């Protein structure tokens, strides 16, 4: 199977899209957050912002603190060594160092007040996964072994916190989120600090997703399953999360190309294909937030809403799938999701993107940031999307 370049007008069109991603990142999205989110008084970032960047809430989610810190370090290492980006990365690391951890057990908080006083800790440890990649980027830039060790410690605290289902529980379950995030976190740490356990954790996590969550006979990826992958005939068990499944698909495709694994290429493409069949809204366009396995109504009343992040992940997944297979259908899917997404989410007047749309693609809220939406999914899409398009257009042919 050939992987490689496209030519002529098609290549020019795709290259223009890639240039648009980078331009949107550096001239729109990143400036919006740098202008409005930096807390010069208490440290860290204020990410609960209204449409024009006004602060709606001063509480700070640790996910967004770590994610923005990661982005700034990633940009410094992969785009340009701008002193401002390093200063802001250090600004984020300093807030994490001072306020993110509960000294009593070493776990991270989920949210804190503006000045860093603890508010809430969740049962899961995703804060640790995002802190790990933030610390990894900072360590790669500065050579700080202390922060490289913090990156390793946070990652291992995250993966070791994931419980194995207990069969004696009333309804033991497995979730797609933990192995999926373990893959991307390990990939980022491998790239930043040369994390020597990355390959092991990635392989283990891909195996879990394939073994338990992927259902070839049903052509779907289940978000929640029983201990051995059993289908649970309840709201949670029937729920399909297109954003997570598509995000996981490009994580796997990324690893497949890194390790030259055709079996993982097939797996990632299946996850993307199955999810597109079920998740794409054929009437209104865009990806639905949740879909029921049997075609019934999901539990969430807002399942038909269109959220920014699944579309960010779909833009990347379609590009990675094309790069991994050379199949033109994935370029067509990329055009489809790129066109719908850029017709509805960008706020052409105030900058950045709306995060929450109604089913028909109109804004459901003018909010630009909260504990979930911040400078992460969108700028990551723009950064990695531009890089992948550059590979597609300019890289030499390779063979799988």
Protein backbone atom coordinates (compact mmCIF):
# COMPACT_ATOMS: atom_id res chain seq x y z
CA UNK A 1 0.00 0.00 0.00
CA UNK A 2 1.43 3.36 -0.99
CA UNK A 3 1.41 6.32 1.34
CA UNK A 4 2.49 9.68 0.16
CA UNK A 5 1.97 12.80 -1.83
CA UNK A 6 -0.92 14.24 -3.75
CA UNK A 7 -0.27 16.55 -6.66
CA UNK A 8 -1.53 19.47 -8.65
CA UNK A 9 -4.53 21.56 -7.69
CA UNK A 10 -5.55 19.09 -4.98
CA UNK A 11 -2.18 19.48 -3.28
CA UNK A 12 -2.37 23.26 -3.54
CA UNK A 13 -5.84 23.29 -2.00
CA UNK A 14 -4.79 21.06 0.87
CA UNK A 15 -1.62 23.10 1.44
CA UNK A 16 -3.75 26.24 1.68
CA UNK A 17 -5.88 24.55 4.33
CA UNK A 18 -2.76 23.64 6.29
CA UNK A 19 -1.51 27.21 6.07
CA UNK A 20 -4.92 28.31 7.32
CA UNK A 21 -4.61 26.05 10.34
CA UNK A 22 -1.26 27.53 11.29
CA UNK A 23 -2.44 31.07 10.61
CA UNK A 24 -5.55 30.49 12.73
CA UNK A 25 -3.41 29.17 15.57
CA UNK A 26 -0.80 31.92 15.57
CA UNK A 27 -2.95 34.91 14.60
CA UNK A 28 -6.31 34.14 16.20
CA UNK A 29 -6.56 31.36 18.77
CA UNK A 30 -3.27 31.74 20.64
CA UNK A 31 -3.42 35.57 20.78
CA UNK A 32 -6.96 35.37 22.19
CA UNK A 33 -5.80 33.25 25.12
CA UNK A 34 -2.57 35.10 25.74
CA UNK A 35 -4.40 38.41 25.80
CA UNK A 36 -7.25 37.34 28.08
CA UNK A 37 -6.25 34.27 30.12
CA UNK A 38 -2.96 35.14 31.83
CA UNK A 39 -3.42 35.75 35.56
CA UNK A 40 -0.56 38.11 36.35
CA UNK A 41 -1.68 38.55 39.95
CA UNK A 42 -2.07 34.98 41.22
CA UNK A 43 -0.37 32.90 38.54
CA UNK A 44 -1.80 30.35 36.18
CA UNK A 45 -4.57 31.02 33.70
CA UNK A 46 -8.16 32.29 33.83
CA UNK A 47 -9.95 30.19 31.23
CA UNK A 48 -13.64 30.75 32.05
CA UNK A 49 -14.13 33.48 29.46
CA UNK A 50 -17.07 35.06 27.67
CA UNK A 51 -17.27 35.69 23.96
CA UNK A 52 -14.89 38.65 23.95
CA UNK A 53 -12.52 37.32 26.61
CA UNK A 54 -14.12 38.76 29.70
CA UNK A 55 -13.66 36.67 32.84
CA UNK A 56 -16.82 34.80 33.85
CA UNK A 57 -15.36 32.85 36.78
CA UNK A 58 -11.99 32.98 38.52
CA UNK A 59 -11.88 29.34 39.69
CA UNK A 60 -9.21 27.37 37.89
CA UNK A 61 -9.52 23.88 36.48
CA UNK A 62 -6.27 21.95 36.63
CA UNK A 63 -6.99 20.33 33.27
CA UNK A 64 -6.92 23.68 31.52
CA UNK A 65 -3.92 24.91 33.53
CA UNK A 66 -1.86 21.90 32.46
CA UNK A 67 -3.15 21.77 28.91
CA UNK A 68 -2.28 25.41 28.20
CA UNK A 69 1.13 24.90 29.77
CA UNK A 70 1.70 21.89 27.50
CA UNK A 71 0.65 23.87 24.42
CA UNK A 72 3.02 26.72 25.17
CA UNK A 73 5.94 24.35 25.63
CA UNK A 74 5.01 22.39 22.51
CA UNK A 75 4.87 25.55 20.44
CA UNK A 76 8.25 26.67 21.77
CA UNK A 77 9.85 23.36 20.81
CA UNK A 78 8.09 22.66 17.52
CA UNK A 79 7.21 26.02 15.95
CA UNK A 80 9.54 28.75 17.22
CA UNK A 81 11.62 29.34 20.34
CA UNK A 82 9.81 32.53 21.32
CA UNK A 83 10.83 33.79 24.77
CA UNK A 84 7.23 34.82 25.50
CA UNK A 85 6.03 31.24 25.06
CA UNK A 86 8.71 29.89 27.37
CA UNK A 87 7.93 32.54 29.99
CA UNK A 88 4.24 31.61 29.89
CA UNK A 89 5.04 27.89 29.99
CA UNK A 90 7.13 28.55 33.11
CA UNK A 91 4.24 30.64 34.47
CA UNK A 92 1.95 27.62 34.14
CA UNK A 93 4.48 25.17 35.57
CA UNK A 94 4.98 27.41 38.59
CA UNK A 95 1.23 27.41 39.32
CA UNK A 96 1.09 23.62 39.01
CA UNK A 97 4.12 23.23 41.28
CA UNK A 98 2.64 25.46 43.96
CA UNK A 99 -1.05 24.60 43.98
CA UNK A 100 -1.99 21.51 41.95
CA UNK A 101 -1.12 18.73 44.39
CA UNK A 102 -2.69 17.51 47.60
CA UNK A 103 0.23 17.03 49.99
CA UNK A 104 -1.70 14.44 51.99
CA UNK A 105 -1.76 11.82 49.21
CA UNK A 106 0.14 13.28 46.25
CA UNK A 107 -2.98 13.36 44.09
CA UNK A 108 -3.90 16.41 42.04
CA UNK A 109 -6.92 18.58 42.54
CA UNK A 110 -9.52 18.96 39.82
CA UNK A 111 -10.16 22.63 40.58
CA UNK A 112 -8.82 25.38 42.83
CA UNK A 113 -9.66 28.98 43.58
CA UNK A 114 -7.98 31.82 41.77
CA UNK A 115 -5.23 31.95 44.41
CA UNK A 116 -4.79 28.19 44.43
CA UNK A 117 -6.88 27.04 47.38
CA UNK A 118 -8.28 23.53 46.77
CA UNK A 119 -11.91 23.15 45.76
CA UNK A 120 -12.48 19.68 44.38
CA UNK A 121 -10.77 16.38 43.69
CA UNK A 122 -12.26 13.86 41.27
CA UNK A 123 -12.23 10.07 41.60
CA UNK A 124 -10.28 9.82 38.35
CA UNK A 125 -6.76 11.13 37.70
CA UNK A 126 -6.93 12.92 34.36
CA UNK A 127 -5.43 16.03 35.95
CA UNK A 128 -2.26 13.96 36.39
CA UNK A 129 -2.20 12.93 32.73
CA UNK A 130 -2.30 16.53 31.54
CA UNK A 131 0.23 17.67 34.12
CA UNK A 132 2.54 14.90 32.92
CA UNK A 133 2.69 16.19 29.36
CA UNK A 134 3.04 19.80 30.55
CA UNK A 135 5.98 18.89 32.77
CA UNK A 136 7.46 16.85 29.93
CA UNK A 137 7.53 19.80 27.55
CA UNK A 138 9.01 22.08 30.19
CA UNK A 139 11.68 19.53 31.06
CA UNK A 140 12.57 19.10 27.39
CA UNK A 141 13.09 22.85 27.03
CA UNK A 142 14.93 23.53 30.26
CA UNK A 143 16.72 20.25 30.90
CA UNK A 144 15.17 20.12 34.37
CA UNK A 145 15.47 16.54 35.59
CA UNK A 146 13.22 17.43 38.52
CA UNK A 147 10.39 18.26 36.13
CA UNK A 148 11.13 15.24 33.94
CA UNK A 149 10.69 13.12 37.06
CA UNK A 150 7.46 14.95 37.86
CA UNK A 151 6.27 14.11 34.35
CA UNK A 152 7.03 10.42 34.86
CA UNK A 153 5.49 10.41 38.33
CA UNK A 154 2.28 12.09 37.15
CA UNK A 155 1.89 9.68 34.25
CA UNK A 156 2.39 6.62 36.44
CA UNK A 157 0.05 8.03 39.06
CA UNK A 158 -2.55 8.42 36.32
CA UNK A 159 -2.28 4.92 34.85
CA UNK A 160 -1.92 3.24 38.23
CA UNK A 161 -5.02 5.01 39.48
CA UNK A 162 -7.15 3.36 36.78
CA UNK A 163 -8.98 0.58 38.59
CA UNK A 164 -9.46 -2.87 37.17
CA UNK A 165 -13.15 -3.78 37.23
CA UNK A 166 -14.09 -5.75 40.33
CA UNK A 167 -16.38 -8.61 39.47
CA UNK A 168 -17.92 -8.57 42.91
CA UNK A 169 -19.23 -5.03 42.33
CA UNK A 170 -22.85 -4.67 41.32
CA UNK A 171 -22.02 -3.53 37.79
CA UNK A 172 -18.26 -3.36 37.13
CA UNK A 173 -17.25 -1.40 34.04
CA UNK A 174 -14.36 -0.34 31.85
CA UNK A 175 -14.20 3.12 30.24
CA UNK A 176 -12.64 4.11 26.93
CA UNK A 177 -11.17 7.33 28.31
CA UNK A 178 -8.31 5.98 30.45
CA UNK A 179 -6.55 3.79 27.84
CA UNK A 180 -7.15 6.41 25.17
CA UNK A 181 -5.54 9.19 27.22
CA UNK A 182 -2.75 6.84 28.27
CA UNK A 183 -1.81 6.45 24.59
CA UNK A 184 -1.50 10.13 23.78
CA UNK A 185 0.15 10.99 27.11
CA UNK A 186 2.79 8.31 26.62
CA UNK A 187 3.36 9.45 23.04
CA UNK A 188 3.93 13.02 24.18
CA UNK A 189 6.31 11.94 26.96
CA UNK A 190 8.25 9.76 24.56
CA UNK A 191 8.71 12.78 22.32
CA UNK A 192 9.59 15.22 25.11
CA UNK A 193 11.65 13.30 27.68
CA UNK A 194 12.25 9.96 25.99
CA UNK A 195 9.99 8.16 28.48
CA UNK A 196 11.25 4.58 28.50
CA UNK A 197 7.91 3.03 29.47
CA UNK A 198 5.95 4.74 26.70
CA UNK A 199 5.86 1.86 24.21
CA UNK A 200 4.75 -0.61 26.85
CA UNK A 201 1.86 1.53 28.04
CA UNK A 202 0.80 2.41 24.51
CA UNK A 203 0.71 -1.21 23.42
CA UNK A 204 -1.19 -2.23 26.55
CA UNK A 205 -3.74 0.56 26.04
CA UNK A 206 -4.32 -0.17 22.34
CA UNK A 207 -4.86 -3.82 23.21
CA UNK A 208 -7.48 -2.85 25.81
CA UNK A 209 -9.34 -0.66 23.35
CA UNK A 210 -9.34 -3.33 20.66
CA UNK A 211 -10.16 -6.19 23.01
CA UNK A 212 -12.90 -4.61 25.08
CA UNK A 213 -14.36 -1.57 23.33
CA UNK A 214 -14.26 -2.31 19.59
CA UNK A 215 -17.18 -4.40 18.33
CA UNK A 216 -16.62 -5.42 14.69
CA UNK A 217 -19.92 -7.30 14.47
CA UNK A 218 -21.79 -4.14 15.46
CA UNK A 219 -19.38 -1.71 13.74
CA UNK A 220 -19.03 0.49 16.77
CA UNK A 221 -16.72 1.61 19.57
CA UNK A 222 -18.39 1.45 22.97
CA UNK A 223 -17.56 4.04 25.60
CA UNK A 224 -18.41 1.82 28.60
CA UNK A 225 -18.34 -1.98 28.75
CA UNK A 226 -18.25 -4.79 31.28
CA UNK A 227 -15.00 -6.30 32.60
CA UNK A 228 -14.61 -8.61 29.59
CA UNK A 229 -16.07 -6.20 27.09
CA UNK A 230 -19.67 -7.21 27.69
CA UNK A 231 -22.35 -4.94 26.27
CA UNK A 232 -24.36 -3.43 29.12
CA UNK A 233 -27.96 -2.85 28.08
CA UNK A 234 -28.34 0.38 30.01
CA UNK A 235 -27.98 4.05 29.08
CA UNK A 236 -24.26 4.11 29.89
CA UNK A 237 -23.55 0.82 28.18
CA UNK A 238 -25.38 1.76 24.99
CA UNK A 239 -23.79 5.19 24.74
CA UNK A 240 -21.44 5.88 21.84
CA UNK A 241 -19.21 8.94 22.18
CA UNK A 242 -18.13 9.92 18.65
CA UNK A 243 -15.57 12.43 19.90
CA UNK A 244 -13.74 9.92 22.08
CA UNK A 245 -13.82 7.14 19.51
CA UNK A 246 -12.49 9.38 16.73
CA UNK A 247 -9.87 10.90 19.03
CA UNK A 248 -8.72 7.42 19.99
CA UNK A 249 -8.60 6.49 16.31
CA UNK A 250 -6.01 9.11 15.43
CA UNK A 251 -3.95 8.32 18.52
CA UNK A 252 -3.77 4.72 17.28
CA UNK A 253 -3.08 5.75 13.68
CA UNK A 254 -0.28 8.00 14.91
CA UNK A 255 1.28 5.07 16.73
CA UNK A 256 0.72 2.75 13.78
CA UNK A 257 2.78 4.99 11.53
CA UNK A 258 5.44 5.46 14.19
CA UNK A 259 5.91 1.71 14.62
CA UNK A 260 4.92 0.62 11.10
CA UNK A 261 2.04 -1.55 12.30
CA UNK A 262 -0.50 -2.29 9.52
CA UNK A 263 -2.78 -4.02 12.04
CA UNK A 264 -3.07 -0.80 14.02
CA UNK A 265 -3.69 1.16 10.83
CA UNK A 266 -6.63 -1.14 10.18
CA UNK A 267 -7.88 -0.74 13.75
CA UNK A 268 -7.68 3.06 13.72
CA UNK A 269 -9.44 3.28 10.37
CA UNK A 270 -12.18 0.92 11.51
CA UNK A 271 -12.79 3.05 14.59
CA UNK A 272 -13.03 6.15 12.42
CA UNK A 273 -15.26 4.51 9.78
CA UNK A 274 -17.67 2.93 12.25
CA UNK A 275 -18.01 6.11 14.27
CA UNK A 276 -18.55 8.28 11.22
CA UNK A 277 -21.36 6.00 10.05
CA UNK A 278 -23.17 6.35 13.36
CA UNK A 279 -22.13 9.81 14.53
CA UNK A 280 -22.32 12.09 11.51
CA UNK A 281 -25.61 14.00 11.34
CA UNK A 282 -26.80 13.33 7.78
CA UNK A 283 -29.50 16.00 7.98
CA UNK A 284 -27.83 18.93 9.69
CA UNK A 285 -24.18 18.03 9.28
CA UNK A 286 -21.56 17.79 11.98
CA UNK A 287 -21.00 15.16 14.64
CA UNK A 288 -23.60 14.46 17.30
CA UNK A 289 -22.30 14.49 20.85
CA UNK A 290 -23.72 11.09 21.80
CA UNK A 291 -25.45 8.27 19.93
CA UNK A 292 -27.34 5.26 21.25
CA UNK A 293 -26.09 1.85 20.15
CA UNK A 294 -29.57 0.71 19.15
CA UNK A 295 -30.67 3.96 17.54
CA UNK A 296 -32.82 5.07 20.45
CA UNK A 297 -32.56 8.32 22.40
CA UNK A 298 -29.44 8.65 24.55
CA UNK A 299 -29.85 9.65 28.17
CA UNK A 300 -28.33 13.08 27.65
CA UNK A 301 -30.91 15.62 26.47
CA UNK A 302 -28.15 17.52 24.65
CA UNK A 303 -26.89 14.57 22.61
CA UNK A 304 -27.68 16.30 19.31
CA UNK A 305 -25.61 19.36 20.15
CA UNK A 306 -22.44 19.90 18.17
CA UNK A 307 -19.34 20.47 20.35
CA UNK A 308 -16.05 21.93 19.17
CA UNK A 309 -13.70 19.18 20.31
CA UNK A 310 -15.12 16.13 18.45
CA UNK A 311 -14.84 18.13 15.25
CA UNK A 312 -11.25 19.07 16.07
CA UNK A 313 -10.49 15.37 16.55
CA UNK A 314 -12.28 14.43 13.33
CA UNK A 315 -10.20 16.90 11.31
CA UNK A 316 -7.06 15.21 12.63
CA UNK A 317 -8.32 11.64 12.36
CA UNK A 318 -9.23 12.00 8.69
CA UNK A 319 -5.79 13.44 7.89
CA UNK A 320 -3.98 10.72 9.83
CA UNK A 321 -6.11 8.06 8.13
CA UNK A 322 -5.24 9.41 4.70
CA UNK A 323 -1.55 9.59 5.54
CA UNK A 324 -1.63 6.03 6.85
CA UNK A 325 -3.55 4.50 3.93
CA UNK A 326 -3.46 6.78 0.90
CA UNK A 327 -7.20 6.09 0.53
CA UNK A 328 -8.81 9.19 -1.06
CA UNK A 329 -12.04 8.61 0.84
CA UNK A 330 -10.32 10.02 3.92
CA UNK A 331 -9.45 13.23 2.10
CA UNK A 332 -13.11 13.52 1.20
CA UNK A 333 -14.10 13.00 4.84
CA UNK A 334 -11.56 15.63 5.81
CA UNK A 335 -13.10 18.10 3.36
CA UNK A 336 -16.52 17.28 4.78
CA UNK A 337 -15.66 17.89 8.41
CA UNK A 338 -13.32 20.80 7.67
CA UNK A 339 -16.02 22.62 5.68
CA UNK A 340 -18.81 22.11 8.21
CA UNK A 341 -16.59 22.92 11.17
CA UNK A 342 -15.14 26.11 9.74
CA UNK A 343 -18.56 27.27 8.57
CA UNK A 344 -20.03 27.10 12.09
CA UNK A 345 -17.54 27.23 14.97
CA UNK A 346 -15.19 30.20 14.31
CA UNK A 347 -16.30 33.54 15.77
CA UNK A 348 -15.24 35.85 12.97
CA UNK A 349 -16.03 38.99 14.94
CA UNK A 350 -14.64 38.33 18.43
CA UNK A 351 -12.04 35.70 17.60
CA UNK A 352 -11.47 32.08 18.67
CA UNK A 353 -14.28 29.53 18.32
CA UNK A 354 -17.66 28.91 19.84
CA UNK A 355 -17.59 25.69 21.81
CA UNK A 356 -21.24 24.72 22.00
CA UNK A 357 -23.63 24.69 19.05
CA UNK A 358 -27.22 23.62 18.68
CA UNK A 359 -28.08 20.71 16.43
CA UNK A 360 -28.54 23.09 13.50
CA UNK A 361 -25.08 24.59 13.96
CA UNK A 362 -26.13 27.89 15.55
CA UNK A 363 -24.34 28.96 18.76
CA UNK A 364 -26.00 27.61 21.88
CA UNK A 365 -23.74 29.68 24.13
CA UNK A 366 -21.29 32.53 23.53
CA UNK A 367 -18.88 31.09 26.09
CA UNK A 368 -15.29 30.73 24.92
CA UNK A 369 -13.86 28.87 27.91
CA UNK A 370 -14.70 26.89 31.04
CA UNK A 371 -13.30 23.86 32.92
CA UNK A 372 -13.49 21.85 29.68
CA UNK A 373 -13.00 24.25 26.82
CA UNK A 374 -9.67 26.03 26.83
CA UNK A 375 -6.56 26.36 24.68
CA UNK A 376 -6.07 22.69 23.90
CA UNK A 377 -8.24 20.70 21.44
CA UNK A 378 -8.52 23.51 18.89
CA UNK A 379 -4.87 24.67 18.91
CA UNK A 380 -3.70 21.04 18.99
CA UNK A 381 -5.79 20.41 15.88
CA UNK A 382 -4.31 23.45 14.17
CA UNK A 383 -0.75 22.56 15.16
CA UNK A 384 -0.88 18.86 14.29
CA UNK A 385 -3.20 19.38 11.32
CA UNK A 386 -0.80 21.79 9.67
CA UNK A 387 2.09 19.39 10.28
CA UNK A 388 0.20 16.39 8.89
CA UNK A 389 -0.86 18.27 5.78
CA UNK A 390 2.76 19.26 5.24
CA UNK A 391 3.69 15.57 5.38
CA UNK A 392 0.91 14.58 3.01
CA UNK A 393 1.84 17.24 0.46
CA UNK A 394 5.62 17.17 0.73
CA UNK A 395 6.80 13.89 2.22
CA UNK A 396 8.29 11.28 -0.12
CA UNK A 397 6.34 8.15 -0.90
CA UNK A 398 6.72 5.40 1.65
CA UNK A 399 5.38 1.87 1.73
CA UNK A 400 3.41 0.10 4.42
